[in-house]
Structure formats: C-alpha cells, structure tokens
Amino acid sequence: MRTKKPIDKKQVAPELSAAEVEKILKKIGKAIKAKRKQQSSLDNFAYEVNISRSALARYEAGGDMLLSSFIKVLYGLKINPDDFLKEIK
C-alpha cells in the first residue's frame, strides 16, 4: 500500500475579515442598485433576470449571492463583469 505525501498547504491569498467582506458586498450592492434604477424597477428587473424580488433587494442591500446570480444581474444590466469589477474598486 502506498502512502500519500502530505500536501504542502500554502496560503495563496490573505484572509479577509468579515467586516472587509461586508464592506465589499455593500459596495457591489450599491453599484448594482444604482445601475438597475437607471434601467428598470426592482420588480421588473427581478422578473427579467429570473431572480426573486426579495433576493434582488437583498443583493442590492449588500447581501451575499451566488456567482450565477451575480452573472444574471450583470448580464441583465448589460455590463461586462470585468468592467463592473473595475468600477467598484
């Protein structure tokens, strides 16, 4: 029977504190809300991108979201993800 070599675990990126993550999510939510308001109402936009109204409101308030939901929102806003992320720095 072979023994496995232990994996050398190196930290690739520094850990973010919960406060830092929350700050980034709020910034993303604020940017999504501002862009969505230029285009549509909350109800209409949620319907158009197939996300519940309550989930979209939560995202705009800085709530965590799935990457698939993030992509739906950005494509619904007709925004390239790279461009959006550059804007929120």
PDB file of N, CA and C in Angstrom:
ATOM      1  N   MET A   1       0.844  -1.181   0.000  1.00  0.00           N
ATOM      2  CA  MET A   1       0.000   0.000   0.000  1.00  0.00           C
ATOM      3  C   MET A   1       0.890   1.245   0.000  1.00  0.00           C
ATOM      4  N   ARG A   2       0.562   2.176  -0.867  1.00  0.00           N
ATOM      5  CA  ARG A   2       1.336   3.409  -0.967  1.00  0.00           C
ATOM      6  C   ARG A   2       0.854   4.430   0.038  1.00  0.00           C
ATOM      7  N   THR A   3       1.786   5.176   0.532  1.00  0.00           N
ATOM      8  CA  THR A   3       1.404   6.270   1.422  1.00  0.00           C
ATOM      9  C   THR A   3       1.448   7.559   0.622  1.00  0.00           C
ATOM     10  N   LYS A   4       0.495   8.390   0.891  1.00  0.00           N
ATOM     11  CA  LYS A   4       0.426   9.667   0.182  1.00  0.00           C
ATOM     12  C   LYS A   4       1.344  10.668   0.842  1.00  0.00           C
ATOM     13  N   LYS A   5       1.946  11.480  -0.012  1.00  0.00           N
ATOM     14  CA  LYS A   5       2.769  12.568   0.505  1.00  0.00           C
ATOM     15  C   LYS A   5       1.852  13.631   1.094  1.00  0.00           C
ATOM     16  N   PRO A   6       2.227  14.217   2.204  1.00  0.00           N
ATOM     17  CA  PRO A   6       1.406  15.309   2.743  1.00  0.00           C
ATOM     18  C   PRO A   6       1.448  16.505   1.792  1.00  0.00           C
ATOM     19  N   ILE A   7       0.330  17.121   1.641  1.00  0.00           N
ATOM     20  CA  ILE A   7       0.232  18.296   0.775  1.00  0.00           C
ATOM     21  C   ILE A   7       0.752  19.500   1.531  1.00  0.00           C
ATOM     22  N   ASP A   8       1.641  20.211   0.874  1.00  0.00           N
ATOM     23  CA  ASP A   8       2.185  21.434   1.466  1.00  0.00           C
ATOM     24  C   ASP A   8       1.177  22.549   1.214  1.00  0.00           C
ATOM     25  N   LYS A   9       0.434  22.920   2.221  1.00  0.00           N
ATOM     26  CA  LYS A   9      -0.598  23.939   2.066  1.00  0.00           C
ATOM     27  C   LYS A   9      -0.005  25.315   2.317  1.00  0.00           C
ATOM     28  N   LYS A  10      -0.051  26.117   1.287  1.00  0.00           N
ATOM     29  CA  LYS A  10       0.421  27.497   1.394  1.00  0.00           C
ATOM     30  C   LYS A  10      -0.766  28.417   1.179  1.00  0.00           C
ATOM     31  N   GLN A  11      -0.823  29.438   1.948  1.00  0.00           N
ATOM     32  CA  GLN A  11      -1.904  30.400   1.802  1.00  0.00           C
ATOM     33  C   GLN A  11      -1.642  31.228   0.549  1.00  0.00           C
ATOM     34  N   VAL A  12      -2.575  31.189  -0.367  1.00  0.00           N
ATOM     35  CA  VAL A  12      -2.429  31.894  -1.631  1.00  0.00           C
ATOM     36  C   VAL A  12      -2.825  33.358  -1.484  1.00  0.00           C
ATOM     37  N   ALA A  13      -3.875  33.611  -0.751  1.00  0.00           N
ATOM     38  CA  ALA A  13      -4.346  34.984  -0.559  1.00  0.00           C
ATOM     39  C   ALA A  13      -4.604  35.201   0.931  1.00  0.00           C
ATOM     40  N   PRO A  14      -4.377  36.396   1.387  1.00  0.00           N
ATOM     41  CA  PRO A  14      -4.644  36.664   2.807  1.00  0.00           C
ATOM     42  C   PRO A  14      -6.146  36.567   3.087  1.00  0.00           C
ATOM     43  N   GLU A  15      -6.463  36.157   4.290  1.00  0.00           N
ATOM     44  CA  GLU A  15      -7.871  36.077   4.673  1.00  0.00           C
ATOM     45  C   GLU A  15      -8.462  37.471   4.808  1.00  0.00           C
ATOM     46  N   LEU A  16      -9.698  37.587   4.402  1.00  0.00           N
ATOM     47  CA  LEU A  16     -10.425  38.833   4.583  1.00  0.00           C
ATOM     48  C   LEU A  16     -11.247  38.717   5.852  1.00  0.00           C
ATOM     49  N   SER A  17     -11.311  39.785   6.582  1.00  0.00           N
ATOM     50  CA  SER A  17     -12.162  39.770   7.771  1.00  0.00           C
ATOM     51  C   SER A  17     -13.622  39.847   7.333  1.00  0.00           C
ATOM     52  N   ALA A  18     -14.500  39.473   8.208  1.00  0.00           N
ATOM     53  CA  ALA A  18     -15.935  39.546   7.917  1.00  0.00           C
ATOM     54  C   ALA A  18     -16.342  40.981   7.606  1.00  0.00           C
ATOM     55  N   ALA A  19     -15.749  41.929   8.292  1.00  0.00           N
ATOM     56  CA  ALA A  19     -16.064  43.346   8.057  1.00  0.00           C
ATOM     57  C   ALA A  19     -15.625  43.782   6.660  1.00  0.00           C
ATOM     58  N   GLU A  20     -14.469  43.289   6.210  1.00  0.00           N
ATOM     59  CA  GLU A  20     -13.993  43.642   4.862  1.00  0.00           C
ATOM     60  C   GLU A  20     -14.889  43.038   3.793  1.00  0.00           C
ATOM     61  N   VAL A  21     -15.305  41.799   3.999  1.00  0.00           N
ATOM     62  CA  VAL A  21     -16.201  41.144   3.049  1.00  0.00           C
ATOM     63  C   VAL A  21     -17.525  41.904   2.984  1.00  0.00           C
ATOM     64  N   GLU A  22     -18.062  42.266   4.142  1.00  0.00           N
ATOM     65  CA  GLU A  22     -19.323  43.007   4.199  1.00  0.00           C
ATOM     66  C   GLU A  22     -19.206  44.347   3.476  1.00  0.00           C
ATOM     67  N   LYS A  23     -18.098  45.022   3.655  1.00  0.00           N
ATOM     68  CA  LYS A  23     -17.869  46.314   3.001  1.00  0.00           C
ATOM     69  C   LYS A  23     -17.860  46.160   1.480  1.00  0.00           C
ATOM     70  N   ILE A  24     -17.208  45.122   0.988  1.00  0.00           N
ATOM     71  CA  ILE A  24     -17.151  44.876  -0.457  1.00  0.00           C
ATOM     72  C   ILE A  24     -18.534  44.520  -0.989  1.00  0.00           C
ATOM     73  N   LEU A  25     -19.273  43.664  -0.269  1.00  0.00           N
ATOM     74  CA  LEU A  25     -20.618  43.292  -0.709  1.00  0.00           C
ATOM     75  C   LEU A  25     -21.548  44.500  -0.749  1.00  0.00           C
ATOM     76  N   LYS A  26     -21.442  45.383   0.221  1.00  0.00           N
ATOM     77  CA  LYS A  26     -22.271  46.597   0.228  1.00  0.00           C
ATOM     78  C   LYS A  26     -21.932  47.489  -0.963  1.00  0.00           C
ATOM     79  N   LYS A  27     -20.656  47.577  -1.284  1.00  0.00           N
ATOM     80  CA  LYS A  27     -20.223  48.379  -2.429  1.00  0.00           C
ATOM     81  C   LYS A  27     -20.773  47.793  -3.739  1.00  0.00           C
ATOM     82  N   ILE A  28     -20.712  46.474  -3.864  1.00  0.00           N
ATOM     83  CA  ILE A  28     -21.251  45.802  -5.050  1.00  0.00           C
ATOM     84  C   ILE A  28     -22.758  46.024  -5.125  1.00  0.00           C
ATOM     85  N   GLY A  29     -23.454  45.844  -4.005  1.00  0.00           N
ATOM     86  CA  GLY A  29     -24.903  46.028  -3.978  1.00  0.00           C
ATOM     87  C   GLY A  29     -25.321  47.433  -4.334  1.00  0.00           C
ATOM     88  N   LYS A  30     -24.593  48.405  -3.817  1.00  0.00           N
ATOM     89  CA  LYS A  30     -24.901  49.808  -4.110  1.00  0.00           C
ATOM     90  C   LYS A  30     -24.731  50.103  -5.600  1.00  0.00           C
ATOM     91  N   ALA A  31     -23.680  49.562  -6.193  1.00  0.00           N
ATOM     92  CA  ALA A  31     -23.436  49.775  -7.624  1.00  0.00           C
ATOM     93  C   ALA A  31     -24.506  49.091  -8.469  1.00  0.00           C
ATOM     94  N   ILE A  32     -24.897  47.880  -8.084  1.00  0.00           N
ATOM     95  CA  ILE A  32     -25.954  47.172  -8.809  1.00  0.00           C
ATOM     96  C   ILE A  32     -27.255  47.964  -8.737  1.00  0.00           C
ATOM     97  N   LYS A  33     -27.592  48.440  -7.554  1.00  0.00           N
ATOM     98  CA  LYS A  33     -28.846  49.183  -7.383  1.00  0.00           C
ATOM     99  C   LYS A  33     -28.848  50.458  -8.224  1.00  0.00           C
ATOM    100  N   ALA A  34     -27.748  51.192  -8.214  1.00  0.00           N
ATOM    101  CA  ALA A  34     -27.677  52.441  -8.978  1.00  0.00           C
ATOM    102  C   ALA A  34     -27.862  52.177 -10.467  1.00  0.00           C
ATOM    103  N   LYS A  35     -27.227  51.139 -10.966  1.00  0.00           N
ATOM    104  CA  LYS A  35     -27.330  50.823 -12.398  1.00  0.00           C
ATOM    105  C   LYS A  35     -28.716  50.273 -12.738  1.00  0.00           C
ATOM    106  N   ARG A  36     -29.265  49.457 -11.851  1.00  0.00           N
ATOM    107  CA  ARG A  36     -30.596  48.898 -12.100  1.00  0.00           C
ATOM    108  C   ARG A  36     -31.652  49.986 -12.116  1.00  0.00           C
ATOM    109  N   LYS A  37     -31.547  50.978 -11.218  1.00  0.00           N
ATOM    110  CA  LYS A  37     -32.534  52.055 -11.140  1.00  0.00           C
ATOM    111  C   LYS A  37     -32.555  52.887 -12.410  1.00  0.00           C
ATOM    112  N   GLN A  38     -31.439  52.962 -13.118  1.00  0.00           N
ATOM    113  CA  GLN A  38     -31.385  53.682 -14.393  1.00  0.00           C
ATOM    114  C   GLN A  38     -32.146  52.940 -15.483  1.00  0.00           C
ATOM    115  N   GLN A  39     -32.334  51.655 -15.265  1.00  0.00           N
ATOM    116  CA  GLN A  39     -32.888  50.792 -16.311  1.00  0.00           C
ATOM    117  C   GLN A  39     -34.318  50.335 -16.046  1.00  0.00           C
ATOM    118  N   SER A  40     -34.625  50.012 -14.783  1.00  0.00           N
ATOM    119  CA  SER A  40     -35.890  49.336 -14.521  1.00  0.00           C
ATOM    120  C   SER A  40     -36.253  49.403 -13.040  1.00  0.00           C
ATOM    121  N   SER A  41     -37.489  49.035 -12.755  1.00  0.00           N
ATOM    122  CA  SER A  41     -37.909  48.928 -11.356  1.00  0.00           C
ATOM    123  C   SER A  41     -37.380  47.617 -10.778  1.00  0.00           C
ATOM    124  N   LEU A  42     -37.377  47.518  -9.475  1.00  0.00           N
ATOM    125  CA  LEU A  42     -36.907  46.308  -8.808  1.00  0.00           C
ATOM    126  C   LEU A  42     -37.727  45.100  -9.260  1.00  0.00           C
ATOM    127  N   ASP A  43     -39.045  45.231  -9.249  1.00  0.00           N
ATOM    128  CA  ASP A  43     -39.920  44.122  -9.628  1.00  0.00           C
ATOM    129  C   ASP A  43     -39.683  43.676 -11.072  1.00  0.00           C
ATOM    130  N   ASN A  44     -39.659  44.627 -11.982  1.00  0.00           N
ATOM    131  CA  ASN A  44     -39.474  44.286 -13.395  1.00  0.00           C
ATOM    132  C   ASN A  44     -38.110  43.660 -13.656  1.00  0.00           C
ATOM    133  N   PHE A  45     -37.078  44.235 -13.058  1.00  0.00           N
ATOM    134  CA  PHE A  45     -35.739  43.720 -13.298  1.00  0.00           C
ATOM    135  C   PHE A  45     -35.592  42.309 -12.725  1.00  0.00           C
ATOM    136  N   ALA A  46     -36.102  42.088 -11.529  1.00  0.00           N
ATOM    137  CA  ALA A  46     -36.035  40.755 -10.925  1.00  0.00           C
ATOM    138  C   ALA A  46     -36.710  39.733 -11.833  1.00  0.00           C
ATOM    139  N   TYR A  47     -37.855  40.088 -12.386  1.00  0.00           N
ATOM    140  CA  TYR A  47     -38.563  39.207 -13.312  1.00  0.00           C
ATOM    141  C   TYR A  47     -37.729  38.958 -14.563  1.00  0.00           C
ATOM    142  N   GLU A  48     -37.149  40.026 -15.117  1.00  0.00           N
ATOM    143  CA  GLU A  48     -36.378  39.921 -16.363  1.00  0.00           C
ATOM    144  C   GLU A  48     -35.157  39.010 -16.223  1.00  0.00           C
ATOM    145  N   VAL A  49     -34.516  39.013 -15.061  1.00  0.00           N
ATOM    146  CA  VAL A  49     -33.308  38.194 -14.884  1.00  0.00           C
ATOM    147  C   VAL A  49     -33.585  36.888 -14.143  1.00  0.00           C
ATOM    148  N   ASN A  50     -34.868  36.633 -13.850  1.00  0.00           N
ATOM    149  CA  ASN A  50     -35.289  35.386 -13.210  1.00  0.00           C
ATOM    150  C   ASN A  50     -34.668  35.192 -11.827  1.00  0.00           C
ATOM    151  N   ILE A  51     -34.755  36.251 -11.025  1.00  0.00           N
ATOM    152  CA  ILE A  51     -34.328  36.216  -9.633  1.00  0.00           C
ATOM    153  C   ILE A  51     -35.496  36.757  -8.815  1.00  0.00           C
ATOM    154  N   SER A  52     -35.733  36.205  -7.665  1.00  0.00           N
ATOM    155  CA  SER A  52     -36.860  36.686  -6.866  1.00  0.00           C
ATOM    156  C   SER A  52     -36.620  38.143  -6.457  1.00  0.00           C
ATOM    157  N   ARG A  53     -37.726  38.848  -6.281  1.00  0.00           N
ATOM    158  CA  ARG A  53     -37.655  40.250  -5.885  1.00  0.00           C
ATOM    159  C   ARG A  53     -36.923  40.396  -4.556  1.00  0.00           C
ATOM    160  N   SER A  54     -37.227  39.507  -3.620  1.00  0.00           N
ATOM    161  CA  SER A  54     -36.604  39.593  -2.297  1.00  0.00           C
ATOM    162  C   SER A  54     -35.099  39.324  -2.370  1.00  0.00           C
ATOM    163  N   ALA A  55     -34.690  38.390  -3.226  1.00  0.00           N
ATOM    164  CA  ALA A  55     -33.257  38.110  -3.375  1.00  0.00           C
ATOM    165  C   ALA A  55     -32.545  39.315  -3.976  1.00  0.00           C
ATOM    166  N   LEU A  56     -33.140  39.915  -5.000  1.00  0.00           N
ATOM    167  CA  LEU A  56     -32.518  41.086  -5.633  1.00  0.00           C
ATOM    168  C   LEU A  56     -32.405  42.234  -4.629  1.00  0.00           C
ATOM    169  N   ALA A  57     -33.436  42.465  -3.848  1.00  0.00           N
ATOM    170  CA  ALA A  57     -33.388  43.519  -2.825  1.00  0.00           C
ATOM    171  C   ALA A  57     -32.288  43.229  -1.815  1.00  0.00           C
ATOM    172  N   ARG A  58     -32.131  41.964  -1.446  1.00  0.00           N
ATOM    173  CA  ARG A  58     -31.076  41.563  -0.501  1.00  0.00           C
ATOM    174  C   ARG A  58     -29.686  41.809  -1.106  1.00  0.00           C
ATOM    175  N   TYR A  59     -29.510  41.475  -2.383  1.00  0.00           N
ATOM    176  CA  TYR A  59     -28.218  41.699  -3.048  1.00  0.00           C
ATOM    177  C   TYR A  59     -27.902  43.187  -3.101  1.00  0.00           C
ATOM    178  N   GLU A  60     -28.899  43.988  -3.434  1.00  0.00           N
ATOM    179  CA  GLU A  60     -28.692  45.435  -3.526  1.00  0.00           C
ATOM    180  C   GLU A  60     -28.368  46.049  -2.161  1.00  0.00           C
ATOM    181  N   ALA A  61     -28.794  45.380  -1.108  1.00  0.00           N
ATOM    182  CA  ALA A  61     -28.503  45.856   0.254  1.00  0.00           C
ATOM    183  C   ALA A  61     -27.156  45.344   0.760  1.00  0.00           C
ATOM    184  N   GLY A  62     -26.458  44.573  -0.074  1.00  0.00           N
ATOM    185  CA  GLY A  62     -25.142  44.083   0.313  1.00  0.00           C
ATOM    186  C   GLY A  62     -25.127  42.648   0.775  1.00  0.00           C
ATOM    187  N   GLY A  63     -26.196  41.917   0.501  1.00  0.00           N
ATOM    188  CA  GLY A  63     -26.239  40.508   0.877  1.00  0.00           C
ATOM    189  C   GLY A  63     -25.385  39.649  -0.038  1.00  0.00           C
ATOM    190  N   ASP A  64     -24.948  38.524   0.483  1.00  0.00           N
ATOM    191  CA  ASP A  64     -24.141  37.592  -0.285  1.00  0.00           C
ATOM    192  C   ASP A  64     -25.000  36.955  -1.376  1.00  0.00           C
ATOM    193  N   MET A  65     -24.377  36.607  -2.488  1.00  0.00           N
ATOM    194  CA  MET A  65     -25.119  35.991  -3.581  1.00  0.00           C
ATOM    195  C   MET A  65     -24.283  34.922  -4.261  1.00  0.00           C
ATOM    196  N   LEU A  66     -24.962  34.033  -4.929  1.00  0.00           N
ATOM    197  CA  LEU A  66     -24.276  33.034  -5.731  1.00  0.00           C
ATOM    198  C   LEU A  66     -23.630  33.709  -6.935  1.00  0.00           C
ATOM    199  N   LEU A  67     -22.571  33.138  -7.427  1.00  0.00           N
ATOM    200  CA  LEU A  67     -21.915  33.674  -8.602  1.00  0.00           C
ATOM    201  C   LEU A  67     -22.858  33.650  -9.801  1.00  0.00           C
ATOM    202  N   SER A  68     -23.679  32.615  -9.908  1.00  0.00           N
ATOM    203  CA  SER A  68     -24.631  32.532 -11.017  1.00  0.00           C
ATOM    204  C   SER A  68     -25.639  33.685 -10.956  1.00  0.00           C
ATOM    205  N   SER A  69     -26.057  34.071  -9.763  1.00  0.00           N
ATOM    206  CA  SER A  69     -26.974  35.206  -9.619  1.00  0.00           C
ATOM    207  C   SER A  69     -26.273  36.509  -9.990  1.00  0.00           C
ATOM    208  N   PHE A  70     -25.021  36.643  -9.581  1.00  0.00           N
ATOM    209  CA  PHE A  70     -24.228  37.828  -9.913  1.00  0.00           C
ATOM    210  C   PHE A  70     -24.117  37.980 -11.432  1.00  0.00           C
ATOM    211  N   ILE A  71     -23.862  36.876 -12.121  1.00  0.00           N
ATOM    212  CA  ILE A  71     -23.744  36.906 -13.578  1.00  0.00           C
ATOM    213  C   ILE A  71     -25.080  37.279 -14.213  1.00  0.00           C
ATOM    214  N   LYS A  72     -26.183  36.706 -13.715  1.00  0.00           N
ATOM    215  CA  LYS A  72     -27.509  37.056 -14.250  1.00  0.00           C
ATOM    216  C   LYS A  72     -27.767  38.552 -14.118  1.00  0.00           C
ATOM    217  N   VAL A  73     -27.464  39.105 -12.957  1.00  0.00           N
ATOM    218  CA  VAL A  73     -27.698  40.525 -12.708  1.00  0.00           C
ATOM    219  C   VAL A  73     -26.855  41.375 -13.665  1.00  0.00           C
ATOM    220  N   LEU A  74     -25.569  41.056 -13.775  1.00  0.00           N
ATOM    221  CA  LEU A  74     -24.706  41.854 -14.643  1.00  0.00           C
ATOM    222  C   LEU A  74     -25.125  41.776 -16.099  1.00  0.00           C
ATOM    223  N   TYR A  75     -25.469  40.593 -16.563  1.00  0.00           N
ATOM    224  CA  TYR A  75     -25.905  40.480 -17.954  1.00  0.00           C
ATOM    225  C   TYR A  75     -27.263  41.143 -18.155  1.00  0.00           C
ATOM    226  N   GLY A  76     -28.121  41.109 -17.146  1.00  0.00           N
ATOM    227  CA  GLY A  76     -29.386  41.843 -17.217  1.00  0.00           C
ATOM    228  C   GLY A  76     -29.162  43.341 -17.308  1.00  0.00           C
ATOM    229  N   LEU A  77     -28.094  43.810 -16.666  1.00  0.00           N
ATOM    230  CA  LEU A  77     -27.731  45.232 -16.729  1.00  0.00           C
ATOM    231  C   LEU A  77     -26.908  45.566 -17.977  1.00  0.00           C
ATOM    232  N   LYS A  78     -26.603  44.524 -18.755  1.00  0.00           N
ATOM    233  CA  LYS A  78     -25.784  44.667 -19.967  1.00  0.00           C
ATOM    234  C   LYS A  78     -24.394  45.221 -19.640  1.00  0.00           C
ATOM    235  N   ILE A  79     -23.815  44.664 -18.576  1.00  0.00           N
ATOM    236  CA  ILE A  79     -22.499  45.086 -18.107  1.00  0.00           C
ATOM    237  C   ILE A  79     -21.557  43.889 -18.137  1.00  0.00           C
ATOM    238  N   ASN A  80     -20.394  44.095 -18.698  1.00  0.00           N
ATOM    239  CA  ASN A  80     -19.362  43.074 -18.694  1.00  0.00           C
ATOM    240  C   ASN A  80     -18.839  42.935 -17.259  1.00  0.00           C
ATOM    241  N   PRO A  81     -18.726  41.707 -16.745  1.00  0.00           N
ATOM    242  CA  PRO A  81     -18.242  41.531 -15.369  1.00  0.00           C
ATOM    243  C   PRO A  81     -16.893  42.209 -15.104  1.00  0.00           C
ATOM    244  N   ASP A  82     -15.980  42.150 -16.057  1.00  0.00           N
ATOM    245  CA  ASP A  82     -14.674  42.799 -15.877  1.00  0.00           C
ATOM    246  C   ASP A  82     -14.834  44.301 -15.679  1.00  0.00           C
ATOM    247  N   ASP A  83     -15.669  44.910 -16.498  1.00  0.00           N
ATOM    248  CA  ASP A  83     -15.879  46.361 -16.395  1.00  0.00           C
ATOM    249  C   ASP A  83     -16.534  46.723 -15.065  1.00  0.00           C
ATOM    250  N   PHE A  84     -17.510  45.910 -14.653  1.00  0.00           N
ATOM    251  CA  PHE A  84     -18.187  46.191 -13.379  1.00  0.00           C
ATOM    252  C   PHE A  84     -17.211  46.141 -12.219  1.00  0.00           C
ATOM    253  N   LEU A  85     -16.396  45.084 -12.176  1.00  0.00           N
ATOM    254  CA  LEU A  85     -15.454  44.949 -11.069  1.00  0.00           C
ATOM    255  C   LEU A  85     -14.416  46.048 -11.046  1.00  0.00           C
ATOM    256  N   LYS A  86     -14.041  46.551 -12.209  1.00  0.00           N
ATOM    257  CA  LYS A  86     -13.116  47.675 -12.263  1.00  0.00           C
ATOM    258  C   LYS A  86     -13.745  48.930 -11.673  1.00  0.00           C
ATOM    259  N   GLU A  87     -15.040  49.090 -11.890  1.00  0.00           N
ATOM    260  CA  GLU A  87     -15.760  50.274 -11.416  1.00  0.00           C
ATOM    261  C   GLU A  87     -15.892  50.326  -9.896  1.00  0.00           C
ATOM    262  N   ILE A  88     -15.989  49.170  -9.260  1.00  0.00           N
ATOM    263  CA  ILE A  88     -16.258  49.192  -7.823  1.00  0.00           C
ATOM    264  C   ILE A  88     -15.011  49.246  -6.950  1.00  0.00           C
ATOM    265  N   LYS A  89     -13.868  49.336  -7.541  1.00  0.00           N
ATOM    266  CA  LYS A  89     -12.617  49.405  -6.753  1.00  0.00           C
ATOM    267  C   LYS A  89     -12.618  50.581  -5.834  1.00  0.00           C
TER     268      LYS A  89
END
